[in-house]
Amino acid sequence: MSNFTHQTITCPHCGQHIRMALDASAGDQEFYDDCPACCSPIHLQLTVDEVHRTIQVQVDADDEQIF
């Protein structure tokens, strides 16, 4: 499995489509990146499945609350 991939995500704040380079070499990750359009922080969770050779990305605004 390649450790680097590109993924298009949608900013949860402004709806802008953003193309991101993702590095899966460190395994599962949780990080923030700012939207280049509205400068709001985007919370990303990267899950790497080595067995099925897949990478899953979850995107949220981090101000969303789960009850």
C-alpha atoms as a PDB file:
ATOM      1  CA  MET A   1       0.000   0.000   0.000  1.00  0.00           C
ATOM      2  CA  SER A   2       1.281   3.450  -0.847  1.00  0.00           C
ATOM      3  CA  ASN A   3       1.773   5.640   2.212  1.00  0.00           C
ATOM      4  CA  PHE A   4       0.829   8.817   0.351  1.00  0.00           C
ATOM      5  CA  THR A   5      -2.504   9.552  -1.259  1.00  0.00           C
ATOM      6  CA  HIS A   6      -4.582  12.554  -2.288  1.00  0.00           C
ATOM      7  CA  GLN A   7      -8.163  13.013  -1.177  1.00  0.00           C
ATOM      8  CA  THR A   8     -10.716  15.708  -1.948  1.00  0.00           C
ATOM      9  CA  ILE A   9     -12.642  16.758   1.155  1.00  0.00           C
ATOM     10  CA  THR A  10     -15.376  19.306   1.750  1.00  0.00           C
ATOM     11  CA  CYS A  11     -14.877  21.995   4.398  1.00  0.00           C
ATOM     12  CA  PRO A  12     -17.606  21.505   7.032  1.00  0.00           C
ATOM     13  CA  HIS A  13     -17.700  25.284   7.594  1.00  0.00           C
ATOM     14  CA  CYS A  14     -17.926  26.827   4.109  1.00  0.00           C
ATOM     15  CA  GLY A  15     -18.436  23.863   1.754  1.00  0.00           C
ATOM     16  CA  GLN A  16     -15.254  24.513  -0.247  1.00  0.00           C
ATOM     17  CA  HIS A  17     -13.753  21.419  -1.915  1.00  0.00           C
ATOM     18  CA  ILE A  18     -10.127  20.966  -0.847  1.00  0.00           C
ATOM     19  CA  ARG A  19      -7.576  18.544  -2.298  1.00  0.00           C
ATOM     20  CA  MET A  20      -5.325  17.241   0.486  1.00  0.00           C
ATOM     21  CA  ALA A  21      -2.207  15.078   0.495  1.00  0.00           C
ATOM     22  CA  LEU A  22      -2.441  12.420   3.206  1.00  0.00           C
ATOM     23  CA  ASP A  23       0.522  10.564   4.708  1.00  0.00           C
ATOM     24  CA  ALA A  24      -0.486   7.169   6.113  1.00  0.00           C
ATOM     25  CA  SER A  25       3.067   6.102   7.013  1.00  0.00           C
ATOM     26  CA  ALA A  26       2.468   6.824  10.725  1.00  0.00           C
ATOM     27  CA  GLY A  27      -0.718   4.727  10.870  1.00  0.00           C
ATOM     28  CA  ASP A  28      -3.925   6.064  12.431  1.00  0.00           C
ATOM     29  CA  GLN A  29      -3.824   9.819  12.997  1.00  0.00           C
ATOM     30  CA  GLU A  30      -5.952  12.669  14.271  1.00  0.00           C
ATOM     31  CA  PHE A  31      -5.032  16.201  13.234  1.00  0.00           C
ATOM     32  CA  TYR A  32      -6.277  19.669  12.287  1.00  0.00           C
ATOM     33  CA  ASP A  33      -5.779  21.643   9.100  1.00  0.00           C
ATOM     34  CA  ASP A  34      -7.106  25.093   8.226  1.00  0.00           C
ATOM     35  CA  CYS A  35      -9.424  25.595   5.275  1.00  0.00           C
ATOM     36  CA  PRO A  36      -7.642  27.752   2.672  1.00  0.00           C
ATOM     37  CA  ALA A  37     -10.944  29.459   1.786  1.00  0.00           C
ATOM     38  CA  CYS A  38     -12.430  30.385   5.184  1.00  0.00           C
ATOM     39  CA  CYS A  39      -9.423  29.735   7.505  1.00  0.00           C
ATOM     40  CA  SER A  40     -11.556  27.682   9.909  1.00  0.00           C
ATOM     41  CA  PRO A  41      -9.985  24.619  11.533  1.00  0.00           C
ATOM     42  CA  ILE A  42     -10.976  21.244  10.081  1.00  0.00           C
ATOM     43  CA  HIS A  43     -10.705  18.161  12.290  1.00  0.00           C
ATOM     44  CA  LEU A  44      -9.525  15.069  10.391  1.00  0.00           C
ATOM     45  CA  GLN A  45      -9.271  11.470  11.566  1.00  0.00           C
ATOM     46  CA  LEU A  46      -7.219   9.144   9.379  1.00  0.00           C
ATOM     47  CA  THR A  47      -7.720   5.391   9.850  1.00  0.00           C
ATOM     48  CA  VAL A  48      -5.358   2.995   8.075  1.00  0.00           C
ATOM     49  CA  ASP A  49      -6.420  -0.613   7.463  1.00  0.00           C
ATOM     50  CA  GLU A  50      -3.276  -2.528   6.457  1.00  0.00           C
ATOM     51  CA  VAL A  51      -5.153  -5.818   5.976  1.00  0.00           C
ATOM     52  CA  HIS A  52      -7.614  -4.437   3.411  1.00  0.00           C
ATOM     53  CA  ARG A  53      -5.138  -1.821   2.161  1.00  0.00           C
ATOM     54  CA  THR A  54      -7.535   1.099   2.657  1.00  0.00           C
ATOM     55  CA  ILE A  55      -7.409   4.560   4.186  1.00  0.00           C
ATOM     56  CA  GLN A  56     -10.534   6.120   5.660  1.00  0.00           C
ATOM     57  CA  VAL A  57     -10.806   9.858   6.363  1.00  0.00           C
ATOM     58  CA  GLN A  58     -13.444  11.390   8.644  1.00  0.00           C
ATOM     59  CA  VAL A  59     -13.922  15.156   8.491  1.00  0.00           C
ATOM     60  CA  ASP A  60     -15.794  17.355  10.958  1.00  0.00           C
ATOM     61  CA  ALA A  61     -15.848  20.910  12.261  1.00  0.00           C
ATOM     62  CA  ASP A  62     -14.730  19.877  15.772  1.00  0.00           C
ATOM     63  CA  ASP A  63     -17.388  22.152  17.224  1.00  0.00           C
ATOM     64  CA  GLU A  64     -20.032  19.500  16.606  1.00  0.00           C
ATOM     65  CA  GLN A  65     -21.171  17.797  19.769  1.00  0.00           C
ATOM     66  CA  ILE A  66     -22.075  14.135  20.086  1.00  0.00           C
ATOM     67  CA  PHE A  67     -24.686  13.222  22.683  1.00  0.00           C
END
